[in-house]
């Protein structure tokens, strides 16, 4: 069965080259530990990337894809390198370099790779210009964006302007948690990832819904990472608040639950029961296979996992490739 992984990340070759020359990369300092971990420091943002596989070449990735029975990866920048808080020109230059690199990797192996670009999201004019270049010149499938913009929620007018252009272009958008804003209470036990990341995705999606943005973007293709975080499971609470509170419903024309079908969701639940519940809530047409390769929290054998669940063969085909083939089309 064909398998398309819509959620996989890269550490740019230009960053790896900068590290080999003991140089920063667009203001990002790179360190490597003896255990193979990578520490990225950009301004006040510091992130530890857990696996040495981030340093593989694009050709060497394919060996691991074969082992995982993944035919195609949709490449996207590691989200900790999204340029949402940098000076605009640095962000713009970094995005262009990454987008060119991903396009080159796709061009070299179109049988194994497709790609998502990234944009200097604080600046609508530069973002829209780069978005058009991503879609029309580089022939990528869309972009990855973070769950906030320099710690501010997504219900910002300039982002709506960008998203409207993305909708026109048929761009696929992977919305990924970014630098959890609840750091103060999540320092232990990797809670910054275990709780913080799903919380970030849920907060981002809730802002897009309650702000009324999703009413203005009826054909937008936004995929929520990690099966939407808590969104599918919290939707009853959202609906209850819609029925009882004006500050919740004042921007909406329908119940929050009626917006669920406007999003797409990846399969990363780490749970047979959880994935079945997501399918029960959302239906199988909205769900795309994702692995989070090469993160240690990723899914190593996605097809094997799905075949060992109670999900029907028809739904497995949808999740593995049919939905992605339909959605990644620019039409």
C-alpha atoms as a PDB file:
ATOM      1  CA  UNK A   1       0.000   0.000   0.000  1.00  0.00           C
ATOM      2  CA  UNK A   2       1.287   3.471  -0.847  1.00  0.00           C
ATOM      3  CA  UNK A   3       2.191   5.585   2.189  1.00  0.00           C
ATOM      4  CA  UNK A   4       2.468   9.390   2.119  1.00  0.00           C
ATOM      5  CA  UNK A   5       3.830  11.008   5.290  1.00  0.00           C
ATOM      6  CA  UNK A   6       2.593  14.604   5.460  1.00  0.00           C
ATOM      7  CA  UNK A   7       4.414  15.427   8.713  1.00  0.00           C
ATOM      8  CA  UNK A   8       8.207  15.081   8.536  1.00  0.00           C
ATOM      9  CA  UNK A   9      10.913  17.618   9.256  1.00  0.00           C
ATOM     10  CA  UNK A  10      14.357  18.636   8.066  1.00  0.00           C
ATOM     11  CA  UNK A  11      17.374  20.286   9.600  1.00  0.00           C
ATOM     12  CA  UNK A  12      18.606  22.370   6.655  1.00  0.00           C
ATOM     13  CA  UNK A  13      21.836  21.344   4.952  1.00  0.00           C
ATOM     14  CA  UNK A  14      22.904  24.988   5.025  1.00  0.00           C
ATOM     15  CA  UNK A  15      22.619  24.940   8.826  1.00  0.00           C
ATOM     16  CA  UNK A  16      24.610  21.715   9.026  1.00  0.00           C
ATOM     17  CA  UNK A  17      27.251  23.279   6.793  1.00  0.00           C
ATOM     18  CA  UNK A  18      27.351  26.368   9.021  1.00  0.00           C
ATOM     19  CA  UNK A  19      27.933  24.134  12.046  1.00  0.00           C
ATOM     20  CA  UNK A  20      30.849  22.388  10.307  1.00  0.00           C
ATOM     21  CA  UNK A  21      32.438  25.815   9.765  1.00  0.00           C
ATOM     22  CA  UNK A  22      31.705  26.946  13.346  1.00  0.00           C
ATOM     23  CA  UNK A  23      29.345  29.664  12.140  1.00  0.00           C
ATOM     24  CA  UNK A  24      25.897  30.801  13.180  1.00  0.00           C
ATOM     25  CA  UNK A  25      22.995  30.317  10.770  1.00  0.00           C
ATOM     26  CA  UNK A  26      20.799  33.384  10.316  1.00  0.00           C
ATOM     27  CA  UNK A  27      21.283  34.216  13.980  1.00  0.00           C
ATOM     28  CA  UNK A  28      20.856  30.637  15.171  1.00  0.00           C
ATOM     29  CA  UNK A  29      23.708  29.121  17.153  1.00  0.00           C
ATOM     30  CA  UNK A  30      24.201  25.387  16.610  1.00  0.00           C
ATOM     31  CA  UNK A  31      25.665  22.951  19.126  1.00  0.00           C
ATOM     32  CA  UNK A  32      25.943  19.154  19.064  1.00  0.00           C
ATOM     33  CA  UNK A  33      26.297  17.024  22.174  1.00  0.00           C
ATOM     34  CA  UNK A  34      28.306  13.808  22.471  1.00  0.00           C
ATOM     35  CA  UNK A  35      24.996  11.892  22.442  1.00  0.00           C
ATOM     36  CA  UNK A  36      24.130  13.303  19.011  1.00  0.00           C
ATOM     37  CA  UNK A  37      21.571  15.794  20.259  1.00  0.00           C
ATOM     38  CA  UNK A  38      21.336  19.183  18.574  1.00  0.00           C
ATOM     39  CA  UNK A  39      20.893  22.410  20.538  1.00  0.00           C
ATOM     40  CA  UNK A  40      19.560  25.380  18.593  1.00  0.00           C
ATOM     41  CA  UNK A  41      19.615  28.832  20.165  1.00  0.00           C
ATOM     42  CA  UNK A  42      17.934  31.767  18.403  1.00  0.00           C
ATOM     43  CA  UNK A  43      17.657  34.832  20.590  1.00  0.00           C
ATOM     44  CA  UNK A  44      15.862  33.713  23.755  1.00  0.00           C
ATOM     45  CA  UNK A  45      14.543  30.553  22.103  1.00  0.00           C
ATOM     46  CA  UNK A  46      16.524  27.424  22.915  1.00  0.00           C
ATOM     47  CA  UNK A  47      15.539  23.971  21.716  1.00  0.00           C
ATOM     48  CA  UNK A  48      17.068  20.529  21.996  1.00  0.00           C
ATOM     49  CA  UNK A  49      16.495  18.170  19.075  1.00  0.00           C
ATOM     50  CA  UNK A  50      16.737  14.619  20.261  1.00  0.00           C
ATOM     51  CA  UNK A  51      17.856  12.399  17.390  1.00  0.00           C
ATOM     52  CA  UNK A  52      20.959  12.298  15.191  1.00  0.00           C
ATOM     53  CA  UNK A  53      18.792  11.465  12.155  1.00  0.00           C
ATOM     54  CA  UNK A  54      18.225  15.197  11.695  1.00  0.00           C
ATOM     55  CA  UNK A  55      21.752  15.286  10.260  1.00  0.00           C
ATOM     56  CA  UNK A  56      21.120  12.748   7.505  1.00  0.00           C
ATOM     57  CA  UNK A  57      21.391  13.738   3.871  1.00  0.00           C
ATOM     58  CA  UNK A  58      18.267  13.564   1.752  1.00  0.00           C
ATOM     59  CA  UNK A  59      19.565  10.388   0.103  1.00  0.00           C
ATOM     60  CA  UNK A  60      20.250   8.734   3.461  1.00  0.00           C
ATOM     61  CA  UNK A  61      16.746   9.585   4.704  1.00  0.00           C
ATOM     62  CA  UNK A  62      15.339   7.359   1.994  1.00  0.00           C
ATOM     63  CA  UNK A  63      16.949   4.294   3.589  1.00  0.00           C
ATOM     64  CA  UNK A  64      14.981   4.956   6.785  1.00  0.00           C
ATOM     65  CA  UNK A  65      11.842   5.709   4.800  1.00  0.00           C
ATOM     66  CA  UNK A  66      12.159   2.292   3.166  1.00  0.00           C
ATOM     67  CA  UNK A  67      12.566   0.629   6.568  1.00  0.00           C
ATOM     68  CA  UNK A  68       9.413   2.418   7.774  1.00  0.00           C
ATOM     69  CA  UNK A  69       7.511   1.494   4.561  1.00  0.00           C
ATOM     70  CA  UNK A  70       7.006   5.182   3.734  1.00  0.00           C
ATOM     71  CA  UNK A  71       6.945   5.950   0.010  1.00  0.00           C
ATOM     72  CA  UNK A  72       6.727   9.739   0.122  1.00  0.00           C
ATOM     73  CA  UNK A  73       7.602  12.399   2.681  1.00  0.00           C
ATOM     74  CA  UNK A  74       6.219  15.917   2.666  1.00  0.00           C
ATOM     75  CA  UNK A  75       9.324  17.767   3.851  1.00  0.00           C
ATOM     76  CA  UNK A  76       9.018  20.761   6.157  1.00  0.00           C
ATOM     77  CA  UNK A  77      11.406  22.800   8.253  1.00  0.00           C
ATOM     78  CA  UNK A  78      11.879  21.792  11.869  1.00  0.00           C
ATOM     79  CA  UNK A  79       9.345  24.084  13.580  1.00  0.00           C
ATOM     80  CA  UNK A  80      11.880  25.372  16.100  1.00  0.00           C
ATOM     81  CA  UNK A  81      13.524  27.172  13.170  1.00  0.00           C
ATOM     82  CA  UNK A  82      10.400  28.986  12.004  1.00  0.00           C
ATOM     83  CA  UNK A  83      11.221  32.668  11.736  1.00  0.00           C
ATOM     84  CA  UNK A  84       8.312  34.229  13.625  1.00  0.00           C
ATOM     85  CA  UNK A  85      10.335  36.435  15.965  1.00  0.00           C
ATOM     86  CA  UNK A  86      13.405  37.469  13.938  1.00  0.00           C
ATOM     87  CA  UNK A  87      14.055  40.823  12.289  1.00  0.00           C
ATOM     88  CA  UNK A  88      12.098  40.739   9.039  1.00  0.00           C
ATOM     89  CA  UNK A  89      15.040  40.744   6.636  1.00  0.00           C
ATOM     90  CA  UNK A  90      16.813  37.922   8.475  1.00  0.00           C
ATOM     91  CA  UNK A  91      13.562  35.948   8.544  1.00  0.00           C
ATOM     92  CA  UNK A  92      12.973  36.574   4.841  1.00  0.00           C
ATOM     93  CA  UNK A  93      16.505  35.521   3.857  1.00  0.00           C
ATOM     94  CA  UNK A  94      16.382  32.381   6.004  1.00  0.00           C
ATOM     95  CA  UNK A  95      13.018  31.354   4.568  1.00  0.00           C
ATOM     96  CA  UNK A  96      14.212  31.779   0.991  1.00  0.00           C
ATOM     97  CA  UNK A  97      17.304  29.618   1.587  1.00  0.00           C
ATOM     98  CA  UNK A  98      15.256  26.832   3.199  1.00  0.00           C
ATOM     99  CA  UNK A  99      12.591  26.947   0.504  1.00  0.00           C
ATOM    100  CA  UNK A 100      15.189  26.715  -2.260  1.00  0.00           C
ATOM    101  CA  UNK A 101      16.787  23.737  -0.518  1.00  0.00           C
ATOM    102  CA  UNK A 102      13.534  21.834  -0.100  1.00  0.00           C
ATOM    103  CA  UNK A 103      12.601  22.537  -3.715  1.00  0.00           C
ATOM    104  CA  UNK A 104      15.977  21.183  -4.823  1.00  0.00           C
ATOM    105  CA  UNK A 105      15.493  18.015  -2.756  1.00  0.00           C
ATOM    106  CA  UNK A 106      12.049  17.499  -4.274  1.00  0.00           C
ATOM    107  CA  UNK A 107      13.342  18.128  -7.783  1.00  0.00           C
ATOM    108  CA  UNK A 108      16.113  15.576  -7.302  1.00  0.00           C
ATOM    109  CA  UNK A 109      13.746  12.853  -5.993  1.00  0.00           C
ATOM    110  CA  UNK A 110      10.146  13.699  -6.912  1.00  0.00           C
ATOM    111  CA  UNK A 111       9.323  10.018  -6.488  1.00  0.00           C
ATOM    112  CA  UNK A 112      10.094  10.238  -2.748  1.00  0.00           C
ATOM    113  CA  UNK A 113       9.676  13.841  -1.697  1.00  0.00           C
ATOM    114  CA  UNK A 114       7.192  16.670  -1.830  1.00  0.00           C
ATOM    115  CA  UNK A 115       7.659  19.836   0.178  1.00  0.00           C
ATOM    116  CA  UNK A 116       6.327  22.691   2.261  1.00  0.00           C
ATOM    117  CA  UNK A 117       7.975  26.080   2.391  1.00  0.00           C
ATOM    118  CA  UNK A 118       8.120  28.614   5.186  1.00  0.00           C
ATOM    119  CA  UNK A 119       7.358  32.335   5.249  1.00  0.00           C
ATOM    120  CA  UNK A 120       8.491  35.416   7.249  1.00  0.00           C
ATOM    121  CA  UNK A 121       5.102  35.409   8.874  1.00  0.00           C
ATOM    122  CA  UNK A 122       5.337  38.734  10.724  1.00  0.00           C
ATOM    123  CA  UNK A 123       5.379  40.626   7.421  1.00  0.00           C
ATOM    124  CA  UNK A 124       2.311  40.097   5.212  1.00  0.00           C
ATOM    125  CA  UNK A 125       3.812  41.619   2.068  1.00  0.00           C
ATOM    126  CA  UNK A 126       6.995  39.539   2.192  1.00  0.00           C
ATOM    127  CA  UNK A 127       5.049  36.449   3.267  1.00  0.00           C
ATOM    128  CA  UNK A 128       2.613  36.699   0.373  1.00  0.00           C
ATOM    129  CA  UNK A 129       5.437  37.319  -2.094  1.00  0.00           C
ATOM    130  CA  UNK A 130       7.308  34.259  -0.826  1.00  0.00           C
ATOM    131  CA  UNK A 131       4.109  32.227  -0.788  1.00  0.00           C
ATOM    132  CA  UNK A 132       3.587  32.902  -4.488  1.00  0.00           C
ATOM    133  CA  UNK A 133       7.213  31.946  -5.161  1.00  0.00           C
ATOM    134  CA  UNK A 134       6.779  28.748  -3.135  1.00  0.00           C
ATOM    135  CA  UNK A 135       3.702  27.688  -5.059  1.00  0.00           C
ATOM    136  CA  UNK A 136       4.342  28.995  -8.577  1.00  0.00           C
ATOM    137  CA  UNK A 137       8.127  29.001  -9.004  1.00  0.00           C
ATOM    138  CA  UNK A 138       9.354  26.310  -6.615  1.00  0.00           C
ATOM    139  CA  UNK A 139       6.292  24.094  -7.154  1.00  0.00           C
ATOM    140  CA  UNK A 140       5.988  23.107  -3.512  1.00  0.00           C
ATOM    141  CA  UNK A 141       2.679  22.114  -1.929  1.00  0.00           C
ATOM    142  CA  UNK A 142       2.243  24.835   0.659  1.00  0.00           C
ATOM    143  CA  UNK A 143       3.781  26.008   3.941  1.00  0.00           C
ATOM    144  CA  UNK A 144       4.315  25.103   7.565  1.00  0.00           C
ATOM    145  CA  UNK A 145       3.313  27.691  10.174  1.00  0.00           C
ATOM    146  CA  UNK A 146       3.590  27.756  13.955  1.00  0.00           C
ATOM    147  CA  UNK A 147       0.859  27.826  16.574  1.00  0.00           C
ATOM    148  CA  UNK A 148       1.663  31.418  17.470  1.00  0.00           C
ATOM    149  CA  UNK A 149       3.509  34.392  16.018  1.00  0.00           C
ATOM    150  CA  UNK A 150       6.194  35.579  18.414  1.00  0.00           C
ATOM    151  CA  UNK A 151       4.068  34.423  21.369  1.00  0.00           C
ATOM    152  CA  UNK A 152       0.914  36.135  20.083  1.00  0.00           C
ATOM    153  CA  UNK A 153      -2.161  34.132  19.063  1.00  0.00           C
ATOM    154  CA  UNK A 154      -3.075  33.602  15.423  1.00  0.00           C
ATOM    155  CA  UNK A 155      -6.189  35.809  15.362  1.00  0.00           C
ATOM    156  CA  UNK A 156      -4.231  38.674  13.771  1.00  0.00           C
ATOM    157  CA  UNK A 157      -5.494  40.640  10.781  1.00  0.00           C
ATOM    158  CA  UNK A 158      -2.230  40.359   8.859  1.00  0.00           C
ATOM    159  CA  UNK A 159      -2.314  36.559   9.165  1.00  0.00           C
ATOM    160  CA  UNK A 160      -5.844  36.512   7.759  1.00  0.00           C
ATOM    161  CA  UNK A 161      -4.502  38.456   4.778  1.00  0.00           C
ATOM    162  CA  UNK A 162      -1.793  35.813   4.259  1.00  0.00           C
ATOM    163  CA  UNK A 163      -4.224  32.918   4.671  1.00  0.00           C
ATOM    164  CA  UNK A 164      -6.597  34.378   2.095  1.00  0.00           C
ATOM    165  CA  UNK A 165      -3.794  34.301  -0.460  1.00  0.00           C
ATOM    166  CA  UNK A 166      -2.874  30.763   0.571  1.00  0.00           C
ATOM    167  CA  UNK A 167      -6.492  29.756   0.019  1.00  0.00           C
ATOM    168  CA  UNK A 168      -6.483  31.263  -3.480  1.00  0.00           C
ATOM    169  CA  UNK A 169      -3.326  29.333  -4.340  1.00  0.00           C
ATOM    170  CA  UNK A 170      -4.639  26.020  -2.993  1.00  0.00           C
ATOM    171  CA  UNK A 171      -1.729  25.845  -0.555  1.00  0.00           C
ATOM    172  CA  UNK A 172      -1.644  23.080   2.030  1.00  0.00           C
ATOM    173  CA  UNK A 173      -0.796  24.450   5.493  1.00  0.00           C
ATOM    174  CA  UNK A 174       0.680  22.291   8.243  1.00  0.00           C
ATOM    175  CA  UNK A 175      -0.045  24.026  11.553  1.00  0.00           C
ATOM    176  CA  UNK A 176       2.561  22.870  14.050  1.00  0.00           C
ATOM    177  CA  UNK A 177       3.061  23.625  17.759  1.00  0.00           C
ATOM    178  CA  UNK A 178       5.824  26.129  18.366  1.00  0.00           C
ATOM    179  CA  UNK A 179       7.781  26.864  21.558  1.00  0.00           C
ATOM    180  CA  UNK A 180       5.119  26.136  24.141  1.00  0.00           C
ATOM    181  CA  UNK A 181       4.079  29.296  25.979  1.00  0.00           C
ATOM    182  CA  UNK A 182       3.375  27.460  29.255  1.00  0.00           C
ATOM    183  CA  UNK A 183       7.049  26.783  29.940  1.00  0.00           C
ATOM    184  CA  UNK A 184       6.869  27.903  33.563  1.00  0.00           C
ATOM    185  CA  UNK A 185       4.719  24.941  34.639  1.00  0.00           C
ATOM    186  CA  UNK A 186       6.048  22.286  32.253  1.00  0.00           C
ATOM    187  CA  UNK A 187       9.739  22.028  33.017  1.00  0.00           C
ATOM    188  CA  UNK A 188       9.694  18.434  34.260  1.00  0.00           C
ATOM    189  CA  UNK A 189       9.001  15.046  32.644  1.00  0.00           C
ATOM    190  CA  UNK A 190       9.058  16.413  29.062  1.00  0.00           C
ATOM    191  CA  UNK A 191       5.631  17.960  29.742  1.00  0.00           C
ATOM    192  CA  UNK A 192       6.581  20.813  27.436  1.00  0.00           C
ATOM    193  CA  UNK A 193       6.067  18.282  24.647  1.00  0.00           C
ATOM    194  CA  UNK A 194       3.588  15.813  26.148  1.00  0.00           C
ATOM    195  CA  UNK A 195       1.067  18.446  27.247  1.00  0.00           C
ATOM    196  CA  UNK A 196       2.388  21.697  25.836  1.00  0.00           C
ATOM    197  CA  UNK A 197       2.478  20.750  22.165  1.00  0.00           C
ATOM    198  CA  UNK A 198      -1.131  19.494  21.954  1.00  0.00           C
ATOM    199  CA  UNK A 199      -2.181  22.544  23.978  1.00  0.00           C
ATOM    200  CA  UNK A 200      -0.500  24.875  21.470  1.00  0.00           C
ATOM    201  CA  UNK A 201      -2.268  23.233  18.520  1.00  0.00           C
ATOM    202  CA  UNK A 202      -5.611  23.384  20.312  1.00  0.00           C
ATOM    203  CA  UNK A 203      -5.125  27.045  21.208  1.00  0.00           C
ATOM    204  CA  UNK A 204      -4.196  27.921  17.626  1.00  0.00           C
ATOM    205  CA  UNK A 205      -7.198  26.122  16.150  1.00  0.00           C
ATOM    206  CA  UNK A 206      -9.535  27.658  18.741  1.00  0.00           C
ATOM    207  CA  UNK A 207      -8.305  31.133  17.848  1.00  0.00           C
ATOM    208  CA  UNK A 208      -8.919  30.503  14.153  1.00  0.00           C
ATOM    209  CA  UNK A 209     -12.450  29.309  14.934  1.00  0.00           C
ATOM    210  CA  UNK A 210     -13.613  31.808  17.568  1.00  0.00           C
ATOM    211  CA  UNK A 211     -12.128  34.811  15.747  1.00  0.00           C
ATOM    212  CA  UNK A 212     -14.382  34.082  12.770  1.00  0.00           C
ATOM    213  CA  UNK A 213     -11.385  33.480  10.501  1.00  0.00           C
ATOM    214  CA  UNK A 214     -12.641  30.073   9.391  1.00  0.00           C
ATOM    215  CA  UNK A 215     -15.884  31.638   8.133  1.00  0.00           C
ATOM    216  CA  UNK A 216     -13.763  33.902   5.933  1.00  0.00           C
ATOM    217  CA  UNK A 217     -11.639  30.977   4.687  1.00  0.00           C
ATOM    218  CA  UNK A 218     -14.145  28.349   3.512  1.00  0.00           C
ATOM    219  CA  UNK A 219     -11.682  26.519   1.252  1.00  0.00           C
ATOM    220  CA  UNK A 220      -8.490  26.830   3.296  1.00  0.00           C
ATOM    221  CA  UNK A 221      -6.430  23.631   3.686  1.00  0.00           C
ATOM    222  CA  UNK A 222      -5.104  23.678   7.255  1.00  0.00           C
ATOM    223  CA  UNK A 223      -3.860  20.422   8.787  1.00  0.00           C
ATOM    224  CA  UNK A 224      -3.581  20.366  12.577  1.00  0.00           C
ATOM    225  CA  UNK A 225      -0.573  18.461  13.897  1.00  0.00           C
ATOM    226  CA  UNK A 226      -0.884  15.598  16.359  1.00  0.00           C
ATOM    227  CA  UNK A 227      -4.497  14.856  15.436  1.00  0.00           C
ATOM    228  CA  UNK A 228      -5.609  18.356  16.403  1.00  0.00           C
ATOM    229  CA  UNK A 229      -4.263  18.209  19.935  1.00  0.00           C
ATOM    230  CA  UNK A 230      -7.220  18.333  22.326  1.00  0.00           C
ATOM    231  CA  UNK A 231      -9.587  19.955  19.830  1.00  0.00           C
ATOM    232  CA  UNK A 232     -11.622  16.867  18.803  1.00  0.00           C
ATOM    233  CA  UNK A 233     -12.037  15.821  22.443  1.00  0.00           C
ATOM    234  CA  UNK A 234     -12.831  19.305  23.822  1.00  0.00           C
ATOM    235  CA  UNK A 235     -15.365  20.263  21.167  1.00  0.00           C
ATOM    236  CA  UNK A 236     -18.370  19.523  23.400  1.00  0.00           C
ATOM    237  CA  UNK A 237     -17.052  22.040  25.911  1.00  0.00           C
ATOM    238  CA  UNK A 238     -16.613  24.586  23.109  1.00  0.00           C
ATOM    239  CA  UNK A 239     -20.201  24.055  21.956  1.00  0.00           C
ATOM    240  CA  UNK A 240     -21.510  24.418  25.490  1.00  0.00           C
ATOM    241  CA  UNK A 241     -19.710  27.754  25.870  1.00  0.00           C
ATOM    242  CA  UNK A 242     -21.068  28.868  22.475  1.00  0.00           C
ATOM    243  CA  UNK A 243     -24.593  28.318  23.787  1.00  0.00           C
ATOM    244  CA  UNK A 244     -24.018  30.159  27.056  1.00  0.00           C
ATOM    245  CA  UNK A 245     -21.446  32.935  26.584  1.00  0.00           C
ATOM    246  CA  UNK A 246     -21.542  35.964  24.285  1.00  0.00           C
ATOM    247  CA  UNK A 247     -17.748  36.385  24.360  1.00  0.00           C
ATOM    248  CA  UNK A 248     -17.501  32.924  22.804  1.00  0.00           C
ATOM    249  CA  UNK A 249     -20.220  33.152  20.145  1.00  0.00           C
ATOM    250  CA  UNK A 250     -20.137  36.795  19.058  1.00  0.00           C
ATOM    251  CA  UNK A 251     -17.881  36.204  16.015  1.00  0.00           C
ATOM    252  CA  UNK A 252     -19.405  32.874  14.935  1.00  0.00           C
ATOM    253  CA  UNK A 253     -22.247  31.979  12.587  1.00  0.00           C
ATOM    254  CA  UNK A 254     -22.438  28.345  13.688  1.00  0.00           C
ATOM    255  CA  UNK A 255     -21.409  26.059  16.543  1.00  0.00           C
ATOM    256  CA  UNK A 256     -17.675  25.368  17.033  1.00  0.00           C
ATOM    257  CA  UNK A 257     -18.206  21.679  16.259  1.00  0.00           C
ATOM    258  CA  UNK A 258     -19.399  22.607  12.774  1.00  0.00           C
ATOM    259  CA  UNK A 259     -15.939  23.984  11.977  1.00  0.00           C
ATOM    260  CA  UNK A 260     -14.137  20.709  12.659  1.00  0.00           C
ATOM    261  CA  UNK A 261     -14.690  19.546   9.090  1.00  0.00           C
ATOM    262  CA  UNK A 262     -12.858  22.636   7.766  1.00  0.00           C
ATOM    263  CA  UNK A 263      -9.579  21.346   9.193  1.00  0.00           C
ATOM    264  CA  UNK A 264      -7.466  18.311   8.388  1.00  0.00           C
ATOM    265  CA  UNK A 265      -5.672  16.261  11.039  1.00  0.00           C
ATOM    266  CA  UNK A 266      -2.694  13.943  11.070  1.00  0.00           C
ATOM    267  CA  UNK A 267      -2.707  10.473  12.626  1.00  0.00           C
ATOM    268  CA  UNK A 268      -0.195  11.114  15.417  1.00  0.00           C
ATOM    269  CA  UNK A 269      -2.113  10.038  18.529  1.00  0.00           C
ATOM    270  CA  UNK A 270       0.252   7.280  19.771  1.00  0.00           C
ATOM    271  CA  UNK A 271      -2.900   5.349  20.656  1.00  0.00           C
ATOM    272  CA  UNK A 272      -5.163   2.899  18.846  1.00  0.00           C
ATOM    273  CA  UNK A 273      -8.110   4.045  20.945  1.00  0.00           C
ATOM    274  CA  UNK A 274      -7.253   7.703  20.425  1.00  0.00           C
ATOM    275  CA  UNK A 275      -7.033   7.399  16.661  1.00  0.00           C
ATOM    276  CA  UNK A 276     -10.296   5.464  16.492  1.00  0.00           C
ATOM    277  CA  UNK A 277     -11.969   8.183  18.579  1.00  0.00           C
ATOM    278  CA  UNK A 278     -10.649  10.879  16.235  1.00  0.00           C
ATOM    279  CA  UNK A 279     -12.026   8.949  13.266  1.00  0.00           C
ATOM    280  CA  UNK A 280     -15.370   8.559  15.062  1.00  0.00           C
ATOM    281  CA  UNK A 281     -15.522  12.306  15.752  1.00  0.00           C
ATOM    282  CA  UNK A 282     -14.213  13.605  12.436  1.00  0.00           C
ATOM    283  CA  UNK A 283     -14.681  10.865   9.875  1.00  0.00           C
ATOM    284  CA  UNK A 284     -11.818   9.327   7.920  1.00  0.00           C
ATOM    285  CA  UNK A 285     -11.829  11.809   5.018  1.00  0.00           C
ATOM    286  CA  UNK A 286     -10.180  14.549   7.115  1.00  0.00           C
ATOM    287  CA  UNK A 287      -7.230  12.535   8.402  1.00  0.00           C
ATOM    288  CA  UNK A 288      -3.758  12.187   6.867  1.00  0.00           C
ATOM    289  CA  UNK A 289      -0.896   9.930   7.861  1.00  0.00           C
ATOM    290  CA  UNK A 290       1.932  11.690   9.689  1.00  0.00           C
ATOM    291  CA  UNK A 291       4.986  10.444  11.566  1.00  0.00           C
ATOM    292  CA  UNK A 292       6.899  13.514  12.876  1.00  0.00           C
ATOM    293  CA  UNK A 293      10.085  11.971  11.441  1.00  0.00           C
ATOM    294  CA  UNK A 294      12.790  12.071  12.733  1.00  0.00           C
ATOM    295  CA  UNK A 295      11.745  13.208  16.221  1.00  0.00           C
ATOM    296  CA  UNK A 296      11.959  10.722  19.091  1.00  0.00           C
ATOM    297  CA  UNK A 297       8.233  11.326  19.645  1.00  0.00           C
ATOM    298  CA  UNK A 298       7.543  10.257  16.079  1.00  0.00           C
ATOM    299  CA  UNK A 299       5.844   7.125  14.782  1.00  0.00           C
ATOM    300  CA  UNK A 300       8.469   4.696  13.505  1.00  0.00           C
ATOM    301  CA  UNK A 301       6.344   2.118  11.643  1.00  0.00           C
ATOM    302  CA  UNK A 302       3.097   3.878  10.682  1.00  0.00           C
ATOM    303  CA  UNK A 303       1.709   1.327   8.238  1.00  0.00           C
ATOM    304  CA  UNK A 304       2.434  -1.559  10.582  1.00  0.00           C
ATOM    305  CA  UNK A 305       0.700   0.345  13.379  1.00  0.00           C
ATOM    306  CA  UNK A 306      -2.424   1.074  11.332  1.00  0.00           C
ATOM    307  CA  UNK A 307      -2.707  -2.520  10.146  1.00  0.00           C
ATOM    308  CA  UNK A 308      -2.657  -3.683  13.768  1.00  0.00           C
ATOM    309  CA  UNK A 309      -5.595  -1.451  14.736  1.00  0.00           C
ATOM    310  CA  UNK A 310      -9.295  -2.124  14.165  1.00  0.00           C
ATOM    311  CA  UNK A 311      -9.425   0.523  11.428  1.00  0.00           C
ATOM    312  CA  UNK A 312     -10.945  -0.812   8.208  1.00  0.00           C
ATOM    313  CA  UNK A 313      -8.822  -1.443   5.120  1.00  0.00           C
ATOM    314  CA  UNK A 314     -10.818   1.230   3.285  1.00  0.00           C
ATOM    315  CA  UNK A 315     -10.039   3.818   5.944  1.00  0.00           C
ATOM    316  CA  UNK A 316      -6.381   2.791   6.073  1.00  0.00           C
ATOM    317  CA  UNK A 317      -6.118   3.480   2.344  1.00  0.00           C
ATOM    318  CA  UNK A 318      -7.671   6.894   2.878  1.00  0.00           C
ATOM    319  CA  UNK A 319      -5.300   7.746   5.723  1.00  0.00           C
ATOM    320  CA  UNK A 320      -2.199   6.375   4.021  1.00  0.00           C
ATOM    321  CA  UNK A 321      -2.478   8.015   0.624  1.00  0.00           C
ATOM    322  CA  UNK A 322      -5.911   8.712  -0.874  1.00  0.00           C
ATOM    323  CA  UNK A 323      -6.710  11.756   1.288  1.00  0.00           C
ATOM    324  CA  UNK A 324      -3.239  13.202   0.865  1.00  0.00           C
ATOM    325  CA  UNK A 325      -3.324  12.778  -2.904  1.00  0.00           C
ATOM    326  CA  UNK A 326      -6.601  14.697  -3.035  1.00  0.00           C
ATOM    327  CA  UNK A 327      -5.658  17.420  -0.577  1.00  0.00           C
ATOM    328  CA  UNK A 328      -2.129  18.121  -1.825  1.00  0.00           C
ATOM    329  CA  UNK A 329      -3.500  18.961  -5.223  1.00  0.00           C
ATOM    330  CA  UNK A 330      -3.460  22.733  -5.770  1.00  0.00           C
ATOM    331  CA  UNK A 331      -7.013  22.718  -7.146  1.00  0.00           C
END
